[in-house]
Amino acid sequence: MLALFAFIIALQVQTVAPSAAKAVIGKEATVCGVVKSARWASSSNRKPTFLNLDEPYPKQLFTVVIFEEHRAQFTPPPEEQFQDKRICVTGKVEDFRGLPQIVVTQTKQIVIKKAAR
């Protein structure tokens, strides 16, 4: 029974703010924040879309990355769909040049959160 409880606890994904995402690099987590800048780098290698949470580029705290091969899953395009929205993104938090990010490969990884009333 104790082993089952430990397994269930291990499966729970921690939710953190973009400012705390560095603390969970290497782990599965949910990061929630407002998309302050969004850009499709259509002329860059792998044509990534960047969604920067809580602070716009170049002072972003956390970045959601969607590469070209996964963009077609998003209608409207992610840089339009999520701009200025509060979202939560779930996945493995990675370090990219000293900043935390999650690379999204499925639409279900991003959820738009309604504003609290």
N, C-alpha and C. Protein backbone atom coordinates (compact mmCIF):
# COMPACT_ATOMS: atom_id res chain seq x y z
N MET A 1 0.82 -1.19 0.00
CA MET A 1 0.00 0.00 0.00
C MET A 1 0.87 1.27 0.00
N LEU A 2 1.91 1.25 0.78
CA LEU A 2 2.81 2.41 0.85
C LEU A 2 3.49 2.64 -0.50
N ALA A 3 3.86 1.57 -1.18
CA ALA A 3 4.49 1.69 -2.50
C ALA A 3 3.51 2.30 -3.50
N LEU A 4 2.24 1.93 -3.44
CA LEU A 4 1.23 2.49 -4.32
C LEU A 4 1.07 3.98 -4.06
N PHE A 5 1.04 4.37 -2.81
CA PHE A 5 0.91 5.78 -2.43
C PHE A 5 2.11 6.57 -2.97
N ALA A 6 3.31 6.03 -2.82
CA ALA A 6 4.52 6.70 -3.31
C ALA A 6 4.47 6.85 -4.82
N PHE A 7 3.97 5.82 -5.53
CA PHE A 7 3.85 5.86 -6.98
C PHE A 7 2.87 6.95 -7.41
N ILE A 8 1.74 7.05 -6.73
CA ILE A 8 0.73 8.07 -7.06
C ILE A 8 1.30 9.47 -6.84
N ILE A 9 2.00 9.67 -5.75
CA ILE A 9 2.63 10.97 -5.47
C ILE A 9 3.64 11.31 -6.57
N ALA A 10 4.40 10.33 -7.02
CA ALA A 10 5.41 10.55 -8.06
C ALA A 10 4.76 10.95 -9.39
N LEU A 11 3.54 10.47 -9.64
CA LEU A 11 2.86 10.78 -10.89
C LEU A 11 2.28 12.20 -10.92
N GLN A 12 2.08 12.79 -9.77
CA GLN A 12 1.50 14.13 -9.73
C GLN A 12 2.51 15.13 -10.30
N VAL A 13 2.01 16.00 -11.14
CA VAL A 13 2.87 16.98 -11.79
C VAL A 13 2.76 18.29 -11.02
N GLN A 14 3.90 18.85 -10.69
CA GLN A 14 3.96 20.10 -9.95
C GLN A 14 3.56 21.27 -10.84
N THR A 15 2.78 22.22 -10.30
CA THR A 15 2.41 23.44 -11.02
C THR A 15 3.23 24.59 -10.46
N VAL A 16 3.89 25.34 -11.37
CA VAL A 16 4.75 26.44 -10.94
C VAL A 16 4.51 27.67 -11.81
N ALA A 17 4.90 28.80 -11.29
CA ALA A 17 4.88 30.06 -12.03
C ALA A 17 6.11 30.11 -12.94
N PRO A 18 6.08 30.89 -14.01
CA PRO A 18 7.25 31.01 -14.87
C PRO A 18 8.52 31.40 -14.10
N SER A 19 8.38 32.24 -13.10
CA SER A 19 9.54 32.69 -12.32
C SER A 19 10.16 31.57 -11.49
N ALA A 20 9.42 30.48 -11.26
CA ALA A 20 9.92 29.35 -10.47
C ALA A 20 10.30 28.15 -11.33
N ALA A 21 10.18 28.25 -12.64
CA ALA A 21 10.39 27.11 -13.52
C ALA A 21 11.83 26.60 -13.53
N LYS A 22 12.81 27.45 -13.24
CA LYS A 22 14.20 26.99 -13.20
C LYS A 22 14.38 25.90 -12.15
N ALA A 23 13.58 25.95 -11.10
CA ALA A 23 13.71 24.98 -10.01
C ALA A 23 13.24 23.58 -10.40
N VAL A 24 12.51 23.47 -11.51
CA VAL A 24 11.98 22.16 -11.92
C VAL A 24 12.57 21.69 -13.26
N ILE A 25 13.68 22.28 -13.67
CA ILE A 25 14.34 21.84 -14.91
C ILE A 25 14.69 20.35 -14.77
N GLY A 26 14.35 19.61 -15.82
CA GLY A 26 14.58 18.18 -15.84
C GLY A 26 13.40 17.36 -15.36
N LYS A 27 12.35 18.04 -14.91
CA LYS A 27 11.17 17.35 -14.39
C LYS A 27 9.94 17.68 -15.22
N GLU A 28 8.94 16.81 -15.13
CA GLU A 28 7.62 17.10 -15.70
C GLU A 28 6.95 18.12 -14.79
N ALA A 29 6.37 19.16 -15.38
CA ALA A 29 5.71 20.19 -14.59
C ALA A 29 4.66 20.89 -15.45
N THR A 30 3.80 21.62 -14.78
CA THR A 30 2.85 22.52 -15.44
C THR A 30 3.26 23.93 -15.08
N VAL A 31 3.46 24.76 -16.08
CA VAL A 31 3.86 26.15 -15.88
C VAL A 31 2.72 27.02 -16.37
N CYS A 32 2.24 27.92 -15.50
CA CYS A 32 1.10 28.78 -15.84
C CYS A 32 1.51 30.25 -15.81
N GLY A 33 1.11 30.98 -16.84
CA GLY A 33 1.40 32.41 -16.91
C GLY A 33 0.70 33.03 -18.10
N VAL A 34 0.87 34.34 -18.25
CA VAL A 34 0.26 35.10 -19.34
C VAL A 34 1.26 35.21 -20.48
N VAL A 35 0.79 34.96 -21.70
CA VAL A 35 1.65 35.07 -22.89
C VAL A 35 1.84 36.57 -23.17
N LYS A 36 3.04 37.06 -22.85
CA LYS A 36 3.35 38.49 -23.02
C LYS A 36 3.96 38.80 -24.37
N SER A 37 4.55 37.80 -25.02
CA SER A 37 5.01 37.97 -26.41
C SER A 37 4.94 36.62 -27.09
N ALA A 38 4.62 36.68 -28.39
CA ALA A 38 4.47 35.45 -29.17
C ALA A 38 4.99 35.74 -30.57
N ARG A 39 5.80 34.80 -31.08
CA ARG A 39 6.41 35.03 -32.40
C ARG A 39 6.67 33.71 -33.10
N TRP A 40 6.35 33.69 -34.38
CA TRP A 40 6.71 32.56 -35.24
C TRP A 40 7.98 32.96 -35.99
N ALA A 41 9.07 32.26 -35.73
CA ALA A 41 10.35 32.53 -36.39
C ALA A 41 10.40 31.70 -37.67
N SER A 42 9.63 32.11 -38.66
CA SER A 42 9.44 31.34 -39.88
C SER A 42 10.70 31.20 -40.74
N SER A 43 11.69 32.05 -40.52
CA SER A 43 12.91 31.94 -41.31
C SER A 43 14.04 31.25 -40.54
N SER A 44 13.77 30.83 -39.31
CA SER A 44 14.78 30.14 -38.49
C SER A 44 14.74 28.63 -38.71
N ASN A 45 15.81 27.96 -38.31
CA ASN A 45 15.88 26.50 -38.38
C ASN A 45 14.73 25.88 -37.59
N ARG A 46 14.02 24.95 -38.17
CA ARG A 46 12.86 24.23 -37.60
C ARG A 46 11.64 25.14 -37.39
N LYS A 47 11.74 26.40 -37.80
CA LYS A 47 10.63 27.36 -37.79
C LYS A 47 9.82 27.32 -36.48
N PRO A 48 10.48 27.65 -35.36
CA PRO A 48 9.79 27.58 -34.07
C PRO A 48 8.83 28.74 -33.83
N THR A 49 7.82 28.45 -33.03
CA THR A 49 6.95 29.49 -32.48
C THR A 49 7.33 29.62 -31.01
N PHE A 50 7.50 30.85 -30.55
CA PHE A 50 7.87 31.11 -29.16
C PHE A 50 6.72 31.83 -28.45
N LEU A 51 6.31 31.29 -27.33
CA LEU A 51 5.33 31.94 -26.46
C LEU A 51 6.06 32.23 -25.16
N ASN A 52 6.25 33.51 -24.85
CA ASN A 52 7.00 33.91 -23.66
C ASN A 52 6.02 34.32 -22.55
N LEU A 53 6.17 33.67 -21.40
CA LEU A 53 5.22 33.88 -20.31
C LEU A 53 5.69 34.91 -19.29
N ASP A 54 4.76 35.75 -18.89
CA ASP A 54 4.87 36.76 -17.82
C ASP A 54 5.80 37.94 -18.10
N GLU A 55 6.76 37.79 -18.98
CA GLU A 55 7.61 38.89 -19.43
C GLU A 55 7.88 38.69 -20.92
N PRO A 56 7.83 39.77 -21.72
CA PRO A 56 8.09 39.63 -23.15
C PRO A 56 9.58 39.42 -23.44
N TYR A 57 9.86 38.87 -24.62
CA TYR A 57 11.22 38.78 -25.11
C TYR A 57 11.78 40.19 -25.20
N PRO A 58 12.99 40.47 -24.80
CA PRO A 58 14.08 39.58 -24.46
C PRO A 58 14.24 39.32 -22.96
N LYS A 59 13.27 39.68 -22.16
CA LYS A 59 13.37 39.49 -20.70
C LYS A 59 12.47 38.36 -20.22
N GLN A 60 12.16 37.43 -21.11
CA GLN A 60 11.25 36.33 -20.79
C GLN A 60 11.76 35.51 -19.61
N LEU A 61 10.82 35.00 -18.83
CA LEU A 61 11.13 34.14 -17.69
C LEU A 61 11.04 32.67 -18.07
N PHE A 62 10.19 32.39 -19.07
CA PHE A 62 9.91 31.02 -19.47
C PHE A 62 9.37 31.06 -20.89
N THR A 63 9.74 30.05 -21.69
CA THR A 63 9.30 30.01 -23.08
C THR A 63 8.66 28.68 -23.41
N VAL A 64 7.54 28.75 -24.11
CA VAL A 64 6.91 27.59 -24.71
C VAL A 64 7.37 27.57 -26.16
N VAL A 65 7.88 26.42 -26.63
CA VAL A 65 8.39 26.30 -27.99
C VAL A 65 7.54 25.28 -28.75
N ILE A 66 7.09 25.69 -29.94
CA ILE A 66 6.34 24.79 -30.82
C ILE A 66 7.05 24.81 -32.17
N PHE A 67 7.62 23.67 -32.55
CA PHE A 67 8.33 23.61 -33.82
C PHE A 67 7.35 23.42 -34.98
N GLU A 68 7.82 23.75 -36.18
CA GLU A 68 6.97 23.76 -37.37
C GLU A 68 6.18 22.47 -37.56
N GLU A 69 6.78 21.33 -37.28
CA GLU A 69 6.08 20.06 -37.53
C GLU A 69 4.84 19.87 -36.65
N HIS A 70 4.69 20.71 -35.64
CA HIS A 70 3.53 20.61 -34.75
C HIS A 70 2.59 21.82 -34.85
N ARG A 71 2.99 22.85 -35.59
CA ARG A 71 2.18 24.07 -35.72
C ARG A 71 0.80 23.82 -36.31
N ALA A 72 0.71 22.92 -37.28
CA ALA A 72 -0.55 22.68 -37.98
C ALA A 72 -1.65 22.16 -37.05
N GLN A 73 -1.28 21.64 -35.89
CA GLN A 73 -2.26 21.17 -34.92
C GLN A 73 -3.03 22.33 -34.29
N PHE A 74 -2.48 23.52 -34.38
CA PHE A 74 -3.07 24.70 -33.73
C PHE A 74 -3.80 25.57 -34.73
N THR A 75 -5.11 25.75 -34.51
CA THR A 75 -5.93 26.63 -35.33
C THR A 75 -6.77 27.51 -34.41
N PRO A 76 -6.62 28.82 -34.47
CA PRO A 76 -5.66 29.61 -35.26
C PRO A 76 -4.22 29.33 -34.82
N PRO A 77 -3.24 29.88 -35.55
CA PRO A 77 -1.84 29.66 -35.21
C PRO A 77 -1.55 30.04 -33.75
N PRO A 78 -0.61 29.36 -33.11
CA PRO A 78 -0.38 29.59 -31.68
C PRO A 78 -0.03 31.03 -31.31
N GLU A 79 0.72 31.73 -32.16
CA GLU A 79 1.08 33.11 -31.81
C GLU A 79 -0.14 34.03 -31.82
N GLU A 80 -1.19 33.67 -32.52
CA GLU A 80 -2.45 34.42 -32.50
C GLU A 80 -3.38 33.91 -31.40
N GLN A 81 -3.49 32.60 -31.31
CA GLN A 81 -4.43 31.96 -30.38
C GLN A 81 -4.13 32.25 -28.92
N PHE A 82 -2.84 32.34 -28.55
CA PHE A 82 -2.48 32.45 -27.13
C PHE A 82 -2.00 33.83 -26.69
N GLN A 83 -1.76 34.76 -27.62
CA GLN A 83 -1.26 36.09 -27.25
C GLN A 83 -2.17 36.73 -26.21
N ASP A 84 -1.58 37.22 -25.13
CA ASP A 84 -2.27 37.92 -24.02
C ASP A 84 -3.22 37.02 -23.23
N LYS A 85 -3.15 35.72 -23.43
CA LYS A 85 -4.01 34.78 -22.69
C LYS A 85 -3.21 34.17 -21.54
N ARG A 86 -3.92 33.80 -20.49
CA ARG A 86 -3.31 33.05 -19.40
C ARG A 86 -3.39 31.58 -19.79
N ILE A 87 -2.23 30.93 -19.87
CA ILE A 87 -2.19 29.53 -20.26
C ILE A 87 -1.43 28.72 -19.21
N CYS A 88 -1.67 27.42 -19.24
CA CYS A 88 -0.86 26.46 -18.50
C CYS A 88 -0.33 25.46 -19.52
N VAL A 89 0.96 25.20 -19.45
CA VAL A 89 1.60 24.25 -20.37
C VAL A 89 2.25 23.15 -19.53
N THR A 90 2.05 21.91 -19.97
CA THR A 90 2.58 20.76 -19.23
C THR A 90 3.57 20.00 -20.10
N GLY A 91 4.68 19.62 -19.49
CA GLY A 91 5.70 18.86 -20.19
C GLY A 91 6.99 18.85 -19.40
N LYS A 92 8.03 18.33 -20.02
CA LYS A 92 9.33 18.31 -19.35
C LYS A 92 9.99 19.68 -19.49
N VAL A 93 10.35 20.26 -18.36
CA VAL A 93 11.01 21.57 -18.36
C VAL A 93 12.48 21.34 -18.70
N GLU A 94 12.94 22.03 -19.74
CA GLU A 94 14.31 21.92 -20.21
C GLU A 94 15.03 23.25 -20.04
N ASP A 95 16.34 23.19 -20.02
CA ASP A 95 17.16 24.40 -19.98
C ASP A 95 17.62 24.70 -21.40
N PHE A 96 17.39 25.92 -21.85
CA PHE A 96 17.92 26.37 -23.13
C PHE A 96 18.66 27.67 -22.92
N ARG A 97 19.98 27.58 -22.96
CA ARG A 97 20.84 28.77 -22.77
C ARG A 97 20.51 29.50 -21.47
N GLY A 98 20.29 28.74 -20.42
CA GLY A 98 20.06 29.33 -19.09
C GLY A 98 18.63 29.69 -18.78
N LEU A 99 17.72 29.47 -19.72
CA LEU A 99 16.31 29.78 -19.49
C LEU A 99 15.46 28.52 -19.59
N PRO A 100 14.45 28.40 -18.73
CA PRO A 100 13.59 27.22 -18.79
C PRO A 100 12.59 27.30 -19.94
N GLN A 101 12.30 26.12 -20.51
CA GLN A 101 11.33 26.06 -21.59
C GLN A 101 10.67 24.68 -21.60
N ILE A 102 9.51 24.60 -22.24
CA ILE A 102 8.87 23.33 -22.56
C ILE A 102 8.64 23.31 -24.06
N VAL A 103 9.03 22.21 -24.70
CA VAL A 103 8.77 22.02 -26.12
C VAL A 103 7.45 21.26 -26.23
N VAL A 104 6.49 21.87 -26.93
CA VAL A 104 5.15 21.30 -27.08
C VAL A 104 5.05 20.51 -28.38
N THR A 105 4.51 19.29 -28.27
CA THR A 105 4.33 18.46 -29.45
C THR A 105 2.86 18.09 -29.68
N GLN A 106 1.99 18.41 -28.69
CA GLN A 106 0.56 18.10 -28.79
C GLN A 106 -0.25 19.26 -28.23
N THR A 107 -1.38 19.55 -28.85
CA THR A 107 -2.22 20.66 -28.40
C THR A 107 -2.69 20.50 -26.97
N LYS A 108 -2.90 19.28 -26.52
CA LYS A 108 -3.41 19.06 -25.17
C LYS A 108 -2.43 19.50 -24.08
N GLN A 109 -1.19 19.79 -24.46
CA GLN A 109 -0.22 20.26 -23.48
C GLN A 109 -0.48 21.71 -23.05
N ILE A 110 -1.24 22.46 -23.85
CA ILE A 110 -1.52 23.86 -23.54
C ILE A 110 -3.01 24.02 -23.27
N VAL A 111 -3.32 24.64 -22.13
CA VAL A 111 -4.71 24.90 -21.75
C VAL A 111 -4.85 26.39 -21.46
N ILE A 112 -5.86 27.02 -22.05
CA ILE A 112 -6.16 28.43 -21.75
C ILE A 112 -6.96 28.45 -20.45
N LYS A 113 -6.51 29.27 -19.51
CA LYS A 113 -7.19 29.40 -18.22
C LYS A 113 -8.07 30.64 -18.24
N LYS A 114 -9.28 30.48 -17.80
CA LYS A 114 -10.20 31.62 -17.70
C LYS A 114 -9.77 32.50 -16.55
N ALA A 115 -10.01 33.79 -16.68
CA ALA A 115 -9.68 34.73 -15.62
C ALA A 115 -10.60 34.49 -14.42
N ALA A 116 -10.05 34.62 -13.22
CA ALA A 116 -10.85 34.45 -12.00
C ALA A 116 -11.81 35.63 -11.87
N ARG A 117 -13.01 35.32 -11.42
CA ARG A 117 -14.01 36.40 -11.27
C ARG A 117 -14.09 36.87 -9.86
